[in-house]
């Protein structure tokens, strides 16, 4: 049966960010994707220059009303990422709630983009909207360590702290939480970073069980843009195929990320030449070239069940 996704994310003419990072991989994996562009820029903001337009909450509402009037607003998933405007974010919440009333099984996948490495890179007034309105209606969230700490008010210094933070996020609403990156020490050494995931299930008798996993991910010495959007899309896809097996879903998702990033960094170094750091245009994700890995990723990143 066909599975339809409403993706409300940024759009760039050049490169792979937001909807372009999410739509192609999802379509390759058999999902029908309807995209609303929260911004439309010439390129991502890691370049020296960019131009474009930002969609307002009213404009988002108009687009959604058009979909409704034609009675084609039936979705299995909603996927959202970066935004800078509180009214736009609140409109997204209204849309998700309405779609969930129409389809109680709808899954909302949210990357709560707030910041990283101890500082916010969106306006601070987005934080209470995410905490009080967005996260409670989300089913799957993909924060980094900073975002997870910010949303829960608890610092992560140990794996035990991380588990407690994921439990706090579960209590706020989402059944699946993946902390995409952390500062925790890896058991494989300082060339790896640690990601953690947690998924709640309801047993047939009504009781709850939780699967938690740890993933050790090789570090790459480069700055990529669009990887968070790709990650959330792949987690959507692989949790759809493995709804009760977070370990496998994470292994598939992180392995796709590994293949795309390795292909991208190899190509970027080839273009840049020996001893030169690749530029933002050279580091655009090699998405089309990674089609086979997206469809059927060789598992190169294994998840460890920690509880």
Protein backbone atom coordinates (compact mmCIF):
# COMPACT_ATOMS: atom_id res chain seq x y z
CA UNK A 1 0.00 0.00 0.00
CA UNK A 2 1.24 3.46 -0.95
CA UNK A 3 2.70 5.55 1.87
CA UNK A 4 2.43 9.33 1.65
CA UNK A 5 4.66 11.89 3.39
CA UNK A 6 4.07 15.63 3.84
CA UNK A 7 7.53 17.22 4.13
CA UNK A 8 7.63 20.83 5.35
CA UNK A 9 11.26 21.90 5.08
CA UNK A 10 13.65 24.34 3.46
CA UNK A 11 14.46 24.23 -0.25
CA UNK A 12 17.58 25.25 -2.15
CA UNK A 13 18.06 25.62 -5.89
CA UNK A 14 21.65 24.36 -5.71
CA UNK A 15 22.60 21.41 -3.53
CA UNK A 16 20.89 19.08 -1.08
CA UNK A 17 19.27 20.60 1.99
CA UNK A 18 15.81 20.25 3.52
CA UNK A 19 13.25 18.88 1.09
CA UNK A 20 15.91 17.97 -1.49
CA UNK A 21 17.80 15.95 1.13
CA UNK A 22 14.60 14.19 2.19
CA UNK A 23 12.44 13.77 -0.92
CA UNK A 24 14.75 11.90 -3.27
CA UNK A 25 15.82 9.24 -0.71
CA UNK A 26 12.22 8.72 0.42
CA UNK A 27 11.01 8.42 -3.17
CA UNK A 28 13.79 5.94 -3.94
CA UNK A 29 12.46 3.85 -1.04
CA UNK A 30 8.90 3.93 -2.39
CA UNK A 31 7.30 6.81 -0.50
CA UNK A 32 5.09 9.42 -2.17
CA UNK A 33 6.34 12.82 -0.99
CA UNK A 34 4.43 16.12 -1.05
CA UNK A 35 6.80 19.00 -0.31
CA UNK A 36 6.11 22.44 1.12
CA UNK A 37 9.16 24.71 1.06
CA UNK A 38 9.50 26.67 4.33
CA UNK A 39 12.19 28.74 2.62
CA UNK A 40 13.34 28.90 -0.99
CA UNK A 41 16.98 29.92 -1.24
CA UNK A 42 19.52 29.94 -4.04
CA UNK A 43 21.79 27.74 -1.91
CA UNK A 44 22.36 26.91 1.75
CA UNK A 45 23.65 29.56 4.14
CA UNK A 46 27.11 27.98 4.46
CA UNK A 47 28.01 29.72 1.20
CA UNK A 48 29.35 33.27 1.17
CA UNK A 49 26.12 34.56 -0.40
CA UNK A 50 22.53 33.45 -0.68
CA UNK A 51 19.25 34.92 -1.89
CA UNK A 52 15.65 33.84 -1.60
CA UNK A 53 12.29 33.94 0.12
CA UNK A 54 10.87 32.75 3.44
CA UNK A 55 7.37 31.27 3.60
CA UNK A 56 5.13 32.91 6.21
CA UNK A 57 2.63 31.12 8.44
CA UNK A 58 -0.23 32.63 6.41
CA UNK A 59 1.31 31.38 3.15
CA UNK A 60 1.73 27.91 4.67
CA UNK A 61 -1.93 27.98 5.69
CA UNK A 62 -3.00 28.96 2.14
CA UNK A 63 -1.04 26.05 0.63
CA UNK A 64 -2.49 23.60 3.13
CA UNK A 65 -6.02 24.90 2.48
CA UNK A 66 -5.51 24.24 -1.23
CA UNK A 67 -4.57 20.64 -0.48
CA UNK A 68 -7.63 20.28 1.78
CA UNK A 69 -10.07 21.77 -0.75
CA UNK A 70 -9.09 19.05 -3.20
CA UNK A 71 -9.47 16.40 -0.48
CA UNK A 72 -5.91 15.14 -0.96
CA UNK A 73 -4.72 15.84 2.59
CA UNK A 74 -4.43 12.21 3.61
CA UNK A 75 -0.96 11.44 4.94
CA UNK A 76 0.83 8.64 6.77
CA UNK A 77 3.78 10.79 7.83
CA UNK A 78 4.69 14.44 8.39
CA UNK A 79 8.38 15.40 8.32
CA UNK A 80 9.71 18.77 9.50
CA UNK A 81 13.12 20.36 10.02
CA UNK A 82 14.66 23.81 10.26
CA UNK A 83 12.53 26.92 10.76
CA UNK A 84 13.18 30.32 12.31
CA UNK A 85 9.64 31.64 12.85
CA UNK A 86 7.37 30.90 15.83
CA UNK A 87 4.09 31.54 14.01
CA UNK A 88 5.18 29.22 11.19
CA UNK A 89 6.07 26.52 13.71
CA UNK A 90 2.72 26.93 15.49
CA UNK A 91 0.95 26.60 12.13
CA UNK A 92 2.85 23.34 11.53
CA UNK A 93 1.56 22.06 14.89
CA UNK A 94 -2.02 22.99 13.91
CA UNK A 95 -1.64 21.13 10.61
CA UNK A 96 -0.18 18.04 12.31
CA UNK A 97 -3.00 17.97 14.86
CA UNK A 98 -5.64 18.25 12.13
CA UNK A 99 -4.00 15.51 10.06
CA UNK A 100 -3.82 13.27 13.14
CA UNK A 101 -7.53 13.75 13.75
CA UNK A 102 -8.13 12.54 10.19
CA UNK A 103 -5.64 9.68 10.56
CA UNK A 104 -4.86 8.70 14.17
CA UNK A 105 -2.07 6.44 12.91
CA UNK A 106 -0.17 9.33 11.30
CA UNK A 107 3.46 9.52 12.45
CA UNK A 108 5.06 12.94 12.89
CA UNK A 109 8.87 12.92 12.50
CA UNK A 110 10.49 16.08 13.83
CA UNK A 111 14.10 17.25 13.80
CA UNK A 112 13.90 19.92 16.54
CA UNK A 113 16.54 22.22 15.10
CA UNK A 114 17.61 24.59 17.88
CA UNK A 115 21.40 24.63 17.96
CA UNK A 116 24.54 22.64 18.68
CA UNK A 117 27.78 22.72 20.68
CA UNK A 118 26.27 24.78 23.48
CA UNK A 119 24.66 27.59 21.50
CA UNK A 120 21.37 28.22 19.71
CA UNK A 121 21.30 29.12 16.04
CA UNK A 122 17.60 29.91 15.87
CA UNK A 123 15.76 32.70 17.74
CA UNK A 124 15.33 31.85 21.43
CA UNK A 125 11.55 32.28 21.27
CA UNK A 126 11.35 29.04 19.24
CA UNK A 127 12.50 27.01 22.24
CA UNK A 128 9.22 27.15 24.26
CA UNK A 129 7.22 26.40 21.08
CA UNK A 130 9.27 23.27 20.45
CA UNK A 131 9.13 22.20 24.10
CA UNK A 132 5.47 22.91 24.82
CA UNK A 133 3.78 22.42 21.44
CA UNK A 134 5.92 20.57 18.89
CA UNK A 135 7.53 17.75 20.88
CA UNK A 136 4.22 16.75 22.55
CA UNK A 137 2.63 16.02 19.13
CA UNK A 138 5.75 14.37 17.65
CA UNK A 139 6.14 10.60 17.42
CA UNK A 140 9.80 10.47 16.39
CA UNK A 141 12.37 13.14 17.24
CA UNK A 142 16.04 13.43 16.27
CA UNK A 143 17.75 15.99 18.54
CA UNK A 144 21.48 16.30 18.99
CA UNK A 145 22.84 16.33 22.56
CA UNK A 146 22.48 20.09 22.98
CA UNK A 147 18.87 20.05 21.77
CA UNK A 148 17.99 17.07 23.98
CA UNK A 149 19.51 18.81 27.01
CA UNK A 150 17.73 22.05 26.20
CA UNK A 151 14.33 20.41 25.80
CA UNK A 152 14.60 18.46 29.07
CA UNK A 153 16.69 20.81 31.22
CA UNK A 154 19.08 17.95 32.05
CA UNK A 155 22.77 17.71 31.14
CA UNK A 156 24.27 14.59 29.60
CA UNK A 157 27.63 13.57 31.04
CA UNK A 158 27.22 9.78 31.05
CA UNK A 159 25.29 7.13 29.17
CA UNK A 160 22.98 6.87 32.19
CA UNK A 161 22.24 10.61 31.86
CA UNK A 162 21.44 10.10 28.18
CA UNK A 163 18.98 7.29 28.98
CA UNK A 164 17.29 9.52 31.57
CA UNK A 165 17.07 12.38 29.05
CA UNK A 166 15.51 10.06 26.45
CA UNK A 167 13.01 8.86 29.08
CA UNK A 168 12.13 12.50 29.84
CA UNK A 169 11.58 13.11 26.12
CA UNK A 170 9.36 10.01 25.94
CA UNK A 171 7.32 11.44 28.82
CA UNK A 172 6.81 14.62 26.75
CA UNK A 173 5.23 12.61 23.90
CA UNK A 174 7.47 10.89 21.33
CA UNK A 175 7.74 7.10 21.37
CA UNK A 176 11.01 7.14 19.40
CA UNK A 177 13.98 9.34 20.32
CA UNK A 178 17.38 9.27 18.63
CA UNK A 179 20.12 11.56 19.95
CA UNK A 180 22.02 11.90 16.71
CA UNK A 181 25.35 12.98 18.19
CA UNK A 182 26.83 13.41 21.65
CA UNK A 183 30.05 14.31 23.44
CA UNK A 184 30.13 10.99 25.30
CA UNK A 185 33.40 9.06 24.95
CA UNK A 186 33.29 6.21 22.44
CA UNK A 187 34.48 2.76 23.39
CA UNK A 188 36.16 2.64 19.98
CA UNK A 189 38.34 5.69 20.62
CA UNK A 190 38.31 9.41 19.91
CA UNK A 191 37.79 8.95 16.16
CA UNK A 192 34.18 7.94 16.85
CA UNK A 193 31.18 9.76 18.28
CA UNK A 194 28.32 8.20 20.21
CA UNK A 195 24.66 8.32 19.22
CA UNK A 196 21.85 6.82 21.28
CA UNK A 197 18.29 5.78 20.57
CA UNK A 198 15.25 4.74 22.57
CA UNK A 199 11.89 3.36 21.45
CA UNK A 200 8.80 2.64 23.54
CA UNK A 201 6.37 -0.11 22.59
CA UNK A 202 2.99 -1.06 23.97
CA UNK A 203 2.55 -4.79 24.44
CA UNK A 204 -0.77 -6.50 23.62
CA UNK A 205 -1.59 -6.54 27.34
CA UNK A 206 -1.17 -2.75 27.51
CA UNK A 207 2.16 -2.75 29.36
CA UNK A 208 5.12 -0.78 27.98
CA UNK A 209 8.59 -1.92 27.03
CA UNK A 210 11.56 0.16 25.87
CA UNK A 211 14.44 -0.76 23.58
CA UNK A 212 17.57 1.40 23.86
CA UNK A 213 20.59 1.30 21.58
CA UNK A 214 24.02 2.87 21.29
CA UNK A 215 25.70 3.54 17.94
CA UNK A 216 29.39 4.38 17.47
CA UNK A 217 29.79 6.57 14.37
CA UNK A 218 33.10 7.41 12.63
CA UNK A 219 33.93 11.13 12.77
CA UNK A 220 34.59 13.05 9.55
CA UNK A 221 36.69 16.21 9.53
CA UNK A 222 34.36 18.37 7.43
CA UNK A 223 31.19 20.40 7.77
CA UNK A 224 28.23 19.07 5.82
CA UNK A 225 24.86 20.75 5.37
CA UNK A 226 21.71 18.68 4.84
CA UNK A 227 22.82 15.60 6.77
CA UNK A 228 20.25 16.19 9.53
CA UNK A 229 17.47 16.34 6.94
CA UNK A 230 18.70 13.15 5.30
CA UNK A 231 19.00 11.43 8.69
CA UNK A 232 15.42 12.24 9.73
CA UNK A 233 14.09 11.06 6.36
CA UNK A 234 16.01 7.78 6.55
CA UNK A 235 14.90 7.16 10.13
CA UNK A 236 11.31 7.72 8.97
CA UNK A 237 11.79 5.18 6.17
CA UNK A 238 13.57 2.50 8.15
CA UNK A 239 11.31 2.72 11.21
CA UNK A 240 8.43 2.30 8.76
CA UNK A 241 10.00 -0.94 7.49
CA UNK A 242 11.11 -2.04 11.00
CA UNK A 243 8.51 -0.47 13.31
CA UNK A 244 9.40 -2.59 16.34
CA UNK A 245 13.13 -2.94 15.79
CA UNK A 246 15.00 0.29 16.52
CA UNK A 247 18.35 -1.53 16.35
CA UNK A 248 17.88 -2.50 12.71
CA UNK A 249 16.30 0.83 11.77
CA UNK A 250 19.28 2.70 13.25
CA UNK A 251 21.81 0.40 11.59
CA UNK A 252 20.18 1.02 8.21
CA UNK A 253 19.89 4.77 8.81
CA UNK A 254 23.43 5.33 10.08
CA UNK A 255 24.86 3.09 7.34
CA UNK A 256 23.14 5.18 4.64
CA UNK A 257 24.62 8.29 6.28
CA UNK A 258 28.09 6.70 6.28
CA UNK A 259 27.95 5.79 2.59
CA UNK A 260 26.65 9.22 1.48
CA UNK A 261 29.19 11.11 3.61
CA UNK A 262 32.15 8.96 2.56
CA UNK A 263 31.24 9.34 -1.11
CA UNK A 264 30.85 13.09 -0.61
CA UNK A 265 34.14 13.63 1.25
CA UNK A 266 36.10 11.52 -1.25
CA UNK A 267 34.70 13.51 -4.16
CA UNK A 268 35.26 16.82 -2.35
CA UNK A 269 38.95 16.05 -1.66
CA UNK A 270 39.38 14.99 -5.28
CA UNK A 271 38.00 18.35 -6.44
CA UNK A 272 39.88 20.42 -3.86
CA UNK A 273 43.26 18.86 -4.53
CA UNK A 274 46.02 17.74 -2.16
CA UNK A 275 46.35 19.70 1.10
CA UNK A 276 43.35 21.97 0.47
CA UNK A 277 40.13 22.01 2.49
CA UNK A 278 37.03 21.45 0.37
CA UNK A 279 34.68 24.40 -0.14
CA UNK A 280 30.91 24.40 0.52
CA UNK A 281 30.06 23.72 -3.16
CA UNK A 282 32.46 20.77 -3.18
CA UNK A 283 30.87 19.37 -0.01
CA UNK A 284 27.33 19.22 -1.38
CA UNK A 285 25.97 15.76 -0.59
CA UNK A 286 26.45 13.18 -3.36
CA UNK A 287 22.85 12.07 -3.17
CA UNK A 288 22.10 10.87 -6.70
CA UNK A 289 25.37 8.95 -6.82
CA UNK A 290 24.35 7.19 -3.58
CA UNK A 291 21.03 5.86 -4.88
CA UNK A 292 22.02 2.19 -4.56
CA UNK A 293 23.25 2.69 -0.98
CA UNK A 294 20.03 4.45 -0.04
CA UNK A 295 17.95 1.59 -1.45
CA UNK A 296 19.96 -1.22 0.12
CA UNK A 297 22.72 -0.01 2.43
CA UNK A 298 25.56 -2.37 3.31
CA UNK A 299 25.56 -2.37 7.11
CA UNK A 300 28.78 -0.74 8.27
CA UNK A 301 27.49 0.70 11.56
CA UNK A 302 26.17 -1.74 14.14
CA UNK A 303 23.94 -0.73 17.06
CA UNK A 304 24.39 -2.22 20.51
CA UNK A 305 21.30 -2.87 22.62
CA UNK A 306 21.92 -1.30 26.03
CA UNK A 307 18.59 -2.20 27.63
